[in-house]
PDB file of N, CA and C in Angstrom:
ATOM      1  N   MET A   1       0.868  -1.124   0.028  1.00  0.00           N
ATOM      2  CA  MET A   1       0.024   0.027  -0.011  1.00  0.00           C
ATOM      3  C   MET A   1       0.862   1.202  -0.034  1.00  0.00           C
ATOM      4  N   THR A   2       0.609   2.141  -0.917  1.00  0.00           N
ATOM      5  CA  THR A   2       1.507   3.300  -1.048  1.00  0.00           C
ATOM      6  C   THR A   2       0.898   4.442  -0.012  1.00  0.00           C
ATOM      7  N   MET A   3       1.750   5.483   0.071  1.00  0.00           N
ATOM      8  CA  MET A   3       1.396   6.597   0.961  1.00  0.00           C
ATOM      9  C   MET A   3       0.127   7.262   0.496  1.00  0.00           C
ATOM     10  N   ILE A   4       0.020   7.319  -0.894  1.00  0.00           N
ATOM     11  CA  ILE A   4      -1.267   7.908  -1.545  1.00  0.00           C
ATOM     12  C   ILE A   4      -2.409   7.071  -1.090  1.00  0.00           C
ATOM     13  N   ASP A   5      -2.360   5.859  -1.168  1.00  0.00           N
ATOM     14  CA  ASP A   5      -3.460   4.992  -0.791  1.00  0.00           C
ATOM     15  C   ASP A   5      -3.813   5.253   0.734  1.00  0.00           C
ATOM     16  N   ILE A   6      -2.849   5.351   1.519  1.00  0.00           N
ATOM     17  CA  ILE A   6      -3.120   5.498   3.033  1.00  0.00           C
ATOM     18  C   ILE A   6      -3.787   6.877   3.201  1.00  0.00           C
ATOM     19  N   ILE A   7      -3.356   7.797   2.525  1.00  0.00           N
ATOM     20  CA  ILE A   7      -3.958   9.308   2.610  1.00  0.00           C
ATOM     21  C   ILE A   7      -5.385   9.144   2.115  1.00  0.00           C
ATOM     22  N   LYS A   8      -5.610   8.425   1.087  1.00  0.00           N
ATOM     23  CA  LYS A   8      -7.064   8.280   0.467  1.00  0.00           C
ATOM     24  C   LYS A   8      -7.917   7.640   1.514  1.00  0.00           C
ATOM     25  N   TRP A   9      -7.429   6.527   2.172  1.00  0.00           N
ATOM     26  CA  TRP A   9      -8.176   5.915   3.123  1.00  0.00           C
ATOM     27  C   TRP A   9      -8.453   6.774   4.429  1.00  0.00           C
ATOM     28  N   ASP A  10      -7.475   7.559   4.804  1.00  0.00           N
ATOM     29  CA  ASP A  10      -7.607   8.471   5.864  1.00  0.00           C
ATOM     30  C   ASP A  10      -8.623   9.509   5.567  1.00  0.00           C
ATOM     31  N   LEU A  11      -8.596  10.088   4.393  1.00  0.00           N
ATOM     32  CA  LEU A  11      -9.598  11.171   4.016  1.00  0.00           C
ATOM     33  C   LEU A  11     -10.960  10.573   4.009  1.00  0.00           C
ATOM     34  N   LEU A  12     -11.112   9.396   3.513  1.00  0.00           N
ATOM     35  CA  LEU A  12     -12.369   8.594   3.322  1.00  0.00           C
ATOM     36  C   LEU A  12     -12.927   8.508   4.961  1.00  0.00           C
ATOM     37  N   PHE A  13     -12.089   7.980   5.799  1.00  0.00           N
ATOM     38  CA  PHE A  13     -12.489   7.839   7.096  1.00  0.00           C
ATOM     39  C   PHE A  13     -12.906   9.074   7.768  1.00  0.00           C
ATOM     40  N   LEU A  14     -12.111  10.176   7.514  1.00  0.00           N
ATOM     41  CA  LEU A  14     -12.444  11.565   8.091  1.00  0.00           C
ATOM     42  C   LEU A  14     -13.792  11.947   7.544  1.00  0.00           C
ATOM     43  N   ALA A  15     -14.036  11.834   6.287  1.00  0.00           N
ATOM     44  CA  ALA A  15     -15.305  12.237   5.617  1.00  0.00           C
ATOM     45  C   ALA A  15     -16.488  11.491   6.249  1.00  0.00           C
ATOM     46  N   LEU A  16     -16.326  10.222   6.374  1.00  0.00           N
ATOM     47  CA  LEU A  16     -17.421   9.391   7.044  1.00  0.00           C
ATOM     48  C   LEU A  16     -17.716   9.820   8.400  1.00  0.00           C
ATOM     49  N   ASN A  17     -16.679  10.010   9.228  1.00  0.00           N
ATOM     50  CA  ASN A  17     -16.919  10.474  10.587  1.00  0.00           C
ATOM     51  C   ASN A  17     -17.410  11.890  10.682  1.00  0.00           C
ATOM     52  N   LEU A  18     -17.044  12.793   9.866  1.00  0.00           N
ATOM     53  CA  LEU A  18     -17.650  14.091   9.872  1.00  0.00           C
ATOM     54  C   LEU A  18     -19.157  13.946   9.307  1.00  0.00           C
ATOM     55  N   SER A  19     -19.449  13.183   8.450  1.00  0.00           N
ATOM     56  CA  SER A  19     -20.825  12.983   8.006  1.00  0.00           C
ATOM     57  C   SER A  19     -21.689  12.334   9.142  1.00  0.00           C
ATOM     58  N   VAL A  20     -21.217  11.516   9.880  1.00  0.00           N
ATOM     59  CA  VAL A  20     -21.851  10.809  11.062  1.00  0.00           C
ATOM     60  C   VAL A  20     -22.123  11.958  12.136  1.00  0.00           C
ATOM     61  N   PHE A  21     -21.037  12.684  12.357  1.00  0.00           N
ATOM     62  CA  PHE A  21     -21.199  13.796  13.383  1.00  0.00           C
ATOM     63  C   PHE A  21     -22.321  14.755  12.971  1.00  0.00           C
ATOM     64  N   SER A  22     -22.360  15.085  11.622  1.00  0.00           N
ATOM     65  CA  SER A  22     -23.388  15.941  11.118  1.00  0.00           C
ATOM     66  C   SER A  22     -24.754  15.323  11.242  1.00  0.00           C
ATOM     67  N   ILE A  23     -24.904  14.058  11.010  1.00  0.00           N
ATOM     68  CA  ILE A  23     -26.226  13.381  11.158  1.00  0.00           C
ATOM     69  C   ILE A  23     -26.583  13.412  12.671  1.00  0.00           C
ATOM     70  N   TYR A  24     -25.707  13.153  13.576  1.00  0.00           N
ATOM     71  CA  TYR A  24     -26.086  13.266  14.980  1.00  0.00           C
ATOM     72  C   TYR A  24     -26.505  14.690  15.359  1.00  0.00           C
ATOM     73  N   PHE A  25     -25.737  15.699  14.775  1.00  0.00           N
ATOM     74  CA  PHE A  25     -26.138  17.076  14.927  1.00  0.00           C
ATOM     75  C   PHE A  25     -27.481  17.385  14.408  1.00  0.00           C
ATOM     76  N   ILE A  26     -27.928  16.988  13.297  1.00  0.00           N
ATOM     77  CA  ILE A  26     -29.246  17.057  12.773  1.00  0.00           C
ATOM     78  C   ILE A  26     -30.317  16.480  13.634  1.00  0.00           C
ATOM     79  N   ASP A  27     -29.953  15.161  14.154  1.00  0.00           N
ATOM     80  CA  ASP A  27     -30.924  14.586  15.036  1.00  0.00           C
ATOM     81  C   ASP A  27     -31.041  15.362  16.308  1.00  0.00           C
ATOM     82  N   LYS A  28     -30.001  15.933  16.916  1.00  0.00           N
ATOM     83  CA  LYS A  28     -29.986  16.660  18.089  1.00  0.00           C
ATOM     84  C   LYS A  28     -30.979  17.909  17.956  1.00  0.00           C
ATOM     85  N   GLN A  29     -30.788  18.589  16.719  1.00  0.00           N
ATOM     86  CA  GLN A  29     -31.565  19.817  16.396  1.00  0.00           C
ATOM     87  C   GLN A  29     -33.041  19.400  16.255  1.00  0.00           C
ATOM     88  N   ALA A  30     -33.288  18.269  15.677  1.00  0.00           N
ATOM     89  CA  ALA A  30     -34.641  17.762  15.450  1.00  0.00           C
ATOM     90  C   ALA A  30     -35.251  17.460  16.871  1.00  0.00           C
ATOM     91  N   ALA A  31     -34.468  16.964  17.739  1.00  0.00           N
ATOM     92  CA  ALA A  31     -35.100  16.775  19.234  1.00  0.00           C
ATOM     93  C   ALA A  31     -35.346  17.995  19.945  1.00  0.00           C
ATOM     94  N   ARG A  32     -34.491  19.000  19.737  1.00  0.00           N
ATOM     95  CA  ARG A  32     -34.761  20.322  20.336  1.00  0.00           C
ATOM     96  C   ARG A  32     -36.000  20.966  19.812  1.00  0.00           C
ATOM     97  N   HIS A  33     -36.279  20.821  18.497  1.00  0.00           N
ATOM     98  CA  HIS A  33     -37.293  21.576  18.021  1.00  0.00           C
ATOM     99  C   HIS A  33     -38.525  20.735  17.740  1.00  0.00           C
ATOM    100  N   GLY A  34     -38.677  19.533  18.270  1.00  0.00           N
ATOM    101  CA  GLY A  34     -39.895  18.583  18.167  1.00  0.00           C
ATOM    102  C   GLY A  34     -40.127  18.100  16.774  1.00  0.00           C
ATOM    103  N   ARG A  35     -39.132  17.920  16.102  1.00  0.00           N
ATOM    104  CA  ARG A  35     -39.310  17.548  14.608  1.00  0.00           C
ATOM    105  C   ARG A  35     -39.045  16.041  14.483  1.00  0.00           C
ATOM    106  N   ARG A  36     -39.243  15.449  13.286  1.00  0.00           N
ATOM    107  CA  ARG A  36     -39.154  14.067  13.128  1.00  0.00           C
ATOM    108  C   ARG A  36     -37.575  13.630  13.449  1.00  0.00           C
ATOM    109  N   ARG A  37     -37.330  12.546  14.183  1.00  0.00           N
ATOM    110  CA  ARG A  37     -36.005  12.092  14.518  1.00  0.00           C
ATOM    111  C   ARG A  37     -35.473  11.093  13.713  1.00  0.00           C
ATOM    112  N   ILE A  38     -34.211  10.890  13.731  1.00  0.00           N
ATOM    113  CA  ILE A  38     -33.374   9.755  13.004  1.00  0.00           C
ATOM    114  C   ILE A  38     -33.484   8.633  14.036  1.00  0.00           C
ATOM    115  N   SER A  39     -33.736   7.418  13.616  1.00  0.00           N
ATOM    116  CA  SER A  39     -33.895   6.275  14.399  1.00  0.00           C
ATOM    117  C   SER A  39     -32.599   5.886  15.086  1.00  0.00           C
ATOM    118  N   GLU A  40     -32.566   5.387  16.438  1.00  0.00           N
ATOM    119  CA  GLU A  40     -31.427   4.936  16.998  1.00  0.00           C
ATOM    120  C   GLU A  40     -30.745   3.886  16.196  1.00  0.00           C
ATOM    121  N   ARG A  41     -31.461   3.063  15.620  1.00  0.00           N
ATOM    122  CA  ARG A  41     -30.866   2.015  14.707  1.00  0.00           C
ATOM    123  C   ARG A  41     -30.014   2.554  13.630  1.00  0.00           C
ATOM    124  N   THR A  42     -30.546   3.565  12.938  1.00  0.00           N
ATOM    125  CA  THR A  42     -29.833   4.158  11.923  1.00  0.00           C
ATOM    126  C   THR A  42     -28.450   4.775  12.465  1.00  0.00           C
ATOM    127  N   LEU A  43     -28.647   5.547  13.594  1.00  0.00           N
ATOM    128  CA  LEU A  43     -27.408   6.213  14.196  1.00  0.00           C
ATOM    129  C   LEU A  43     -26.418   5.033  14.536  1.00  0.00           C
ATOM    130  N   LEU A  44     -26.830   3.949  15.177  1.00  0.00           N
ATOM    131  CA  LEU A  44     -25.864   2.911  15.523  1.00  0.00           C
ATOM    132  C   LEU A  44     -25.312   2.239  14.262  1.00  0.00           C
ATOM    133  N   ILE A  45     -26.062   2.019  13.140  1.00  0.00           N
ATOM    134  CA  ILE A  45     -25.551   1.461  11.996  1.00  0.00           C
ATOM    135  C   ILE A  45     -24.486   2.332  11.411  1.00  0.00           C
ATOM    136  N   LEU A  46     -24.626   3.646  11.369  1.00  0.00           N
ATOM    137  CA  LEU A  46     -23.632   4.614  10.886  1.00  0.00           C
ATOM    138  C   LEU A  46     -22.373   4.497  11.712  1.00  0.00           C
ATOM    139  N   ALA A  47     -22.545   4.300  13.002  1.00  0.00           N
ATOM    140  CA  ALA A  47     -21.400   4.157  13.789  1.00  0.00           C
ATOM    141  C   ALA A  47     -20.664   2.785  13.490  1.00  0.00           C
ATOM    142  N   LEU A  48     -21.421   1.764  13.331  1.00  0.00           N
ATOM    143  CA  LEU A  48     -20.882   0.437  12.979  1.00  0.00           C
ATOM    144  C   LEU A  48     -20.143   0.390  11.728  1.00  0.00           C
ATOM    145  N   ILE A  49     -20.595   1.115  10.722  1.00  0.00           N
ATOM    146  CA  ILE A  49     -19.904   1.045   9.382  1.00  0.00           C
ATOM    147  C   ILE A  49     -18.680   1.892   9.300  1.00  0.00           C
ATOM    148  N   GLY A  50     -18.259   2.459  10.386  1.00  0.00           N
ATOM    149  CA  GLY A  50     -16.956   3.115  10.449  1.00  0.00           C
ATOM    150  C   GLY A  50     -17.082   4.534  11.049  1.00  0.00           C
ATOM    151  N   GLY A  51     -18.268   4.962  11.499  1.00  0.00           N
ATOM    152  CA  GLY A  51     -18.338   6.354  11.987  1.00  0.00           C
ATOM    153  C   GLY A  51     -18.380   6.415  13.522  1.00  0.00           C
ATOM    154  N   SER A  52     -17.850   5.486  14.113  1.00  0.00           N
ATOM    155  CA  SER A  52     -17.929   5.444  15.601  1.00  0.00           C
ATOM    156  C   SER A  52     -17.207   6.660  16.332  1.00  0.00           C
ATOM    157  N   LEU A  53     -16.060   7.056  15.795  1.00  0.00           N
ATOM    158  CA  LEU A  53     -15.426   8.139  16.426  1.00  0.00           C
ATOM    159  C   LEU A  53     -16.276   9.503  16.166  1.00  0.00           C
ATOM    160  N   GLY A  54     -16.892   9.633  14.991  1.00  0.00           N
ATOM    161  CA  GLY A  54     -17.722  10.855  14.782  1.00  0.00           C
ATOM    162  C   GLY A  54     -19.100  10.653  15.804  1.00  0.00           C
ATOM    163  N   ALA A  55     -19.612   9.408  15.982  1.00  0.00           N
ATOM    164  CA  ALA A  55     -20.676   9.322  16.832  1.00  0.00           C
ATOM    165  C   ALA A  55     -20.286   9.656  18.247  1.00  0.00           C
ATOM    166  N   LEU A  56     -19.201   9.090  18.706  1.00  0.00           N
ATOM    167  CA  LEU A  56     -18.632   9.398  20.072  1.00  0.00           C
ATOM    168  C   LEU A  56     -18.321  10.844  20.162  1.00  0.00           C
ATOM    169  N   ALA A  57     -17.818  11.568  19.307  1.00  0.00           N
ATOM    170  CA  ALA A  57     -17.587  12.994  19.383  1.00  0.00           C
ATOM    171  C   ALA A  57     -18.868  13.751  19.465  1.00  0.00           C
ATOM    172  N   ALA A  58     -19.853  13.392  18.672  1.00  0.00           N
ATOM    173  CA  ALA A  58     -21.221  13.992  18.657  1.00  0.00           C
ATOM    174  C   ALA A  58     -21.882  13.812  19.992  1.00  0.00           C
ATOM    175  N   GLN A  59     -21.728  12.658  20.584  1.00  0.00           N
ATOM    176  CA  GLN A  59     -22.396  12.219  21.734  1.00  0.00           C
ATOM    177  C   GLN A  59     -21.783  13.130  22.871  1.00  0.00           C
ATOM    178  N   GLN A  60     -20.518  13.237  22.938  1.00  0.00           N
ATOM    179  CA  GLN A  60     -19.989  14.039  24.003  1.00  0.00           C
ATOM    180  C   GLN A  60     -19.943  15.564  23.769  1.00  0.00           C
ATOM    181  N   LEU A  61     -19.702  16.005  22.654  1.00  0.00           N
ATOM    182  CA  LEU A  61     -19.679  17.344  22.327  1.00  0.00           C
ATOM    183  C   LEU A  61     -21.181  18.082  22.311  1.00  0.00           C
ATOM    184  N   LEU A  62     -22.044  17.279  21.759  1.00  0.00           N
ATOM    185  CA  LEU A  62     -23.441  17.859  21.644  1.00  0.00           C
ATOM    186  C   LEU A  62     -24.325  17.311  22.777  1.00  0.00           C
ATOM    187  N   ARG A  63     -23.866  16.489  23.688  1.00  0.00           N
ATOM    188  CA  ARG A  63     -24.554  15.920  24.835  1.00  0.00           C
ATOM    189  C   ARG A  63     -25.912  15.209  24.316  1.00  0.00           C
ATOM    190  N   HIS A  64     -25.566  14.341  23.211  1.00  0.00           N
ATOM    191  CA  HIS A  64     -26.677  13.743  22.584  1.00  0.00           C
ATOM    192  C   HIS A  64     -26.628  12.239  22.977  1.00  0.00           C
ATOM    193  N   LYS A  65     -27.816  11.793  23.397  1.00  0.00           N
ATOM    194  CA  LYS A  65     -27.877  10.322  23.648  1.00  0.00           C
ATOM    195  C   LYS A  65     -26.833   9.915  24.850  1.00  0.00           C
ATOM    196  N   THR A  66     -26.585  10.705  25.728  1.00  0.00           N
ATOM    197  CA  THR A  66     -25.547  10.387  26.773  1.00  0.00           C
ATOM    198  C   THR A  66     -26.212   9.562  27.814  1.00  0.00           C
ATOM    199  N   ARG A  67     -27.447   9.631  28.045  1.00  0.00           N
ATOM    200  CA  ARG A  67     -28.021   8.902  29.146  1.00  0.00           C
ATOM    201  C   ARG A  67     -28.938   7.759  28.669  1.00  0.00           C
ATOM    202  N   LYS A  68     -29.067   7.651  27.385  1.00  0.00           N
ATOM    203  CA  LYS A  68     -29.971   6.664  26.777  1.00  0.00           C
ATOM    204  C   LYS A  68     -29.330   5.282  26.782  1.00  0.00           C
ATOM    205  N   GLU A  69     -29.994   4.358  27.378  1.00  0.00           N
ATOM    206  CA  GLU A  69     -29.557   2.931  27.414  1.00  0.00           C
ATOM    207  C   GLU A  69     -30.623   2.099  26.640  1.00  0.00           C
ATOM    208  N   PRO A  70     -30.284   1.117  25.883  1.00  0.00           N
ATOM    209  CA  PRO A  70     -28.930   0.518  25.671  1.00  0.00           C
ATOM    210  C   PRO A  70     -28.050   1.195  24.520  1.00  0.00           C
ATOM    211  N   PHE A  71     -28.459   2.394  24.135  1.00  0.00           N
ATOM    212  CA  PHE A  71     -27.762   3.046  23.039  1.00  0.00           C
ATOM    213  C   PHE A  71     -26.220   3.305  23.480  1.00  0.00           C
ATOM    214  N   ARG A  72     -26.080   3.800  24.727  1.00  0.00           N
ATOM    215  CA  ARG A  72     -24.627   4.104  25.130  1.00  0.00           C
ATOM    216  C   ARG A  72     -23.820   2.742  25.112  1.00  0.00           C
ATOM    217  N   SER A  73     -24.312   1.767  25.595  1.00  0.00           N
ATOM    218  CA  SER A  73     -23.629   0.441  25.735  1.00  0.00           C
ATOM    219  C   SER A  73     -23.340  -0.141  24.347  1.00  0.00           C
ATOM    220  N   ILE A  74     -24.285  -0.005  23.444  1.00  0.00           N
ATOM    221  CA  ILE A  74     -24.085  -0.548  22.147  1.00  0.00           C
ATOM    222  C   ILE A  74     -22.913   0.301  21.410  1.00  0.00           C
ATOM    223  N   LEU A  75     -22.961   1.565  21.666  1.00  0.00           N
ATOM    224  CA  LEU A  75     -22.112   2.511  20.922  1.00  0.00           C
ATOM    225  C   LEU A  75     -20.612   2.083  21.501  1.00  0.00           C
ATOM    226  N   ALA A  76     -20.536   1.978  22.895  1.00  0.00           N
ATOM    227  CA  ALA A  76     -19.265   1.595  23.456  1.00  0.00           C
ATOM    228  C   ALA A  76     -18.837   0.162  23.009  1.00  0.00           C
ATOM    229  N   ALA A  77     -19.682  -0.722  22.700  1.00  0.00           N
ATOM    230  CA  ALA A  77     -19.296  -2.005  22.215  1.00  0.00           C
ATOM    231  C   ALA A  77     -18.761  -1.840  20.776  1.00  0.00           C
ATOM    232  N   ILE A  78     -19.368  -1.049  19.919  1.00  0.00           N
ATOM    233  CA  ILE A  78     -18.924  -0.664  18.544  1.00  0.00           C
ATOM    234  C   ILE A  78     -17.436  -0.072  18.588  1.00  0.00           C
ATOM    235  N   LEU A  79     -17.283   0.780  19.572  1.00  0.00           N
ATOM    236  CA  LEU A  79     -15.936   1.431  19.586  1.00  0.00           C
ATOM    237  C   LEU A  79     -14.947   0.336  20.023  1.00  0.00           C
ATOM    238  N   ILE A  80     -15.200  -0.575  21.000  1.00  0.00           N
ATOM    239  CA  ILE A  80     -14.410  -1.607  21.307  1.00  0.00           C
ATOM    240  C   ILE A  80     -13.974  -2.498  20.226  1.00  0.00           C
ATOM    241  N   LEU A  81     -15.121  -2.797  19.574  1.00  0.00           N
ATOM    242  CA  LEU A  81     -14.894  -3.684  18.305  1.00  0.00           C
ATOM    243  C   LEU A  81     -13.948  -2.982  17.277  1.00  0.00           C
ATOM    244  N   HIS A  82     -14.142  -1.749  17.022  1.00  0.00           N
ATOM    245  CA  HIS A  82     -13.365  -1.055  16.013  1.00  0.00           C
ATOM    246  C   HIS A  82     -11.886  -0.957  16.554  1.00  0.00           C
ATOM    247  N   GLY A  83     -11.700  -0.702  17.906  1.00  0.00           N
ATOM    248  CA  GLY A  83     -10.348  -0.712  18.446  1.00  0.00           C
ATOM    249  C   GLY A  83      -9.678  -2.191  18.273  1.00  0.00           C
ATOM    250  N   ALA A  84     -10.468  -3.166  18.440  1.00  0.00           N
ATOM    251  CA  ALA A  84      -9.897  -4.516  18.349  1.00  0.00           C
ATOM    252  C   ALA A  84      -9.498  -4.857  16.845  1.00  0.00           C
ATOM    253  N   LEU A  85     -10.363  -4.448  16.026  1.00  0.00           N
ATOM    254  CA  LEU A  85     -10.073  -4.603  14.567  1.00  0.00           C
ATOM    255  C   LEU A  85      -8.829  -3.855  14.132  1.00  0.00           C
ATOM    256  N   ILE A  86      -8.748  -2.566  14.628  1.00  0.00           N
ATOM    257  CA  ILE A  86      -7.404  -1.876  14.267  1.00  0.00           C
ATOM    258  C   ILE A  86      -6.223  -2.429  14.831  1.00  0.00           C
ATOM    259  N   ALA A  87      -6.312  -2.978  16.090  1.00  0.00           N
ATOM    260  CA  ALA A  87      -5.214  -3.663  16.779  1.00  0.00           C
ATOM    261  C   ALA A  87      -4.796  -4.817  15.736  1.00  0.00           C
ATOM    262  N   VAL A  88      -5.754  -5.591  15.458  1.00  0.00           N
ATOM    263  CA  VAL A  88      -5.564  -6.779  14.631  1.00  0.00           C
ATOM    264  C   VAL A  88      -4.786  -6.358  13.362  1.00  0.00           C
ATOM    265  N   LEU A  89      -5.270  -5.387  12.700  1.00  0.00           N
ATOM    266  CA  LEU A  89      -4.790  -4.949  11.365  1.00  0.00           C
ATOM    267  C   LEU A  89      -3.264  -4.419  11.545  1.00  0.00           C
ATOM    268  N   VAL A  90      -3.054  -3.763  12.689  1.00  0.00           N
ATOM    269  CA  VAL A  90      -1.610  -3.206  12.935  1.00  0.00           C
ATOM    270  C   VAL A  90      -0.737  -4.340  13.360  1.00  0.00           C
ATOM    271  N   PHE A  91      -1.222  -5.222  14.162  1.00  0.00           N
ATOM    272  CA  PHE A  91      -0.199  -6.393  14.673  1.00  0.00           C
ATOM    273  C   PHE A  91      -0.206  -7.531  13.867  1.00  0.00           C
ATOM    274  N   LEU A  92      -1.096  -7.794  12.943  1.00  0.00           N
ATOM    275  CA  LEU A  92      -1.172  -9.007  12.161  1.00  0.00           C
ATOM    276  C   LEU A  92       0.108  -9.222  11.402  1.00  0.00           C
ATOM    277  N   PRO A  93       0.622  -8.199  10.697  1.00  0.00           N
ATOM    278  CA  PRO A  93       1.946  -8.369   9.916  1.00  0.00           C
ATOM    279  C   PRO A  93       3.090  -8.804  10.899  1.00  0.00           C
ATOM    280  N   LEU A  94       3.029  -8.389  12.127  1.00  0.00           N
ATOM    281  CA  LEU A  94       4.087  -8.729  13.132  1.00  0.00           C
ATOM    282  C   LEU A  94       3.888 -10.171  13.618  1.00  0.00           C
ATOM    283  N   TRP A  95       2.646 -10.499  13.676  1.00  0.00           N
ATOM    284  CA  TRP A  95       2.413 -11.846  14.256  1.00  0.00           C
ATOM    285  C   TRP A  95       2.582 -13.062  13.226  1.00  0.00           C
ATOM    286  N   SER A  96       2.272 -12.738  12.080  1.00  0.00           N
ATOM    287  CA  SER A  96       2.111 -13.682  10.952  1.00  0.00           C
ATOM    288  C   SER A  96       3.433 -14.542  10.785  1.00  0.00           C
ATOM    289  N   PRO A  97       4.572 -13.991  10.898  1.00  0.00           N
ATOM    290  CA  PRO A  97       5.738 -14.927  10.812  1.00  0.00           C
ATOM    291  C   PRO A  97       5.838 -15.886  12.061  1.00  0.00           C
ATOM    292  N   LEU A  98       5.384 -15.403  13.253  1.00  0.00           N
ATOM    293  CA  LEU A  98       5.483 -16.263  14.453  1.00  0.00           C
ATOM    294  C   LEU A  98       4.434 -17.276  14.326  1.00  0.00           C
ATOM    295  N   LEU A  99       3.211 -16.973  13.840  1.00  0.00           N
ATOM    296  CA  LEU A  99       2.200 -18.002  13.714  1.00  0.00           C
ATOM    297  C   LEU A  99       2.577 -19.064  12.659  1.00  0.00           C
ATOM    298  N   LEU A 100       3.245 -18.631  11.650  1.00  0.00           N
ATOM    299  CA  LEU A 100       3.617 -19.690  10.652  1.00  0.00           C
ATOM    300  C   LEU A 100       4.744 -20.588  11.130  1.00  0.00           C
ATOM    301  N   GLN A 101       5.519 -20.170  12.188  1.00  0.00           N
ATOM    302  CA  GLN A 101       6.665 -21.102  12.611  1.00  0.00           C
ATOM    303  C   GLN A 101       6.217 -22.290  13.201  1.00  0.00           C
ATOM    304  N   ASP A 102       4.960 -22.384  13.695  1.00  0.00           N
ATOM    305  CA  ASP A 102       4.536 -23.563  14.385  1.00  0.00           C
ATOM    306  C   ASP A 102       4.101 -24.617  13.364  1.00  0.00           C
ATOM    307  N   PHE A 103       3.892 -24.182  12.121  1.00  0.00           N
ATOM    308  CA  PHE A 103       3.417 -25.229  11.052  1.00  0.00           C
ATOM    309  C   PHE A 103       4.462 -25.803  10.351  1.00  0.00           C
TER     310      PHE A 103
END
């Protein structure tokens, strides 16, 4: 993977998380003004597909869905899952020679 590819993936990740933050902001505004809301399921799916950091930032900065259970717990689980996946992707190249030694 080239540096250009890494930059493209980073920009895509940033755009996704900014979009998720914006959607949480729209939902917060709708809640304040009594308008139609975005479903919790949709908000969690957006976090699951890669927008978990944007969702967490919106939750904390906008004080949106901070006391709502099980939403908080599910979002925390998504963040843990994403952290574990990142750890695997980072450390897998280091582990693979060690794993293959046993075979």
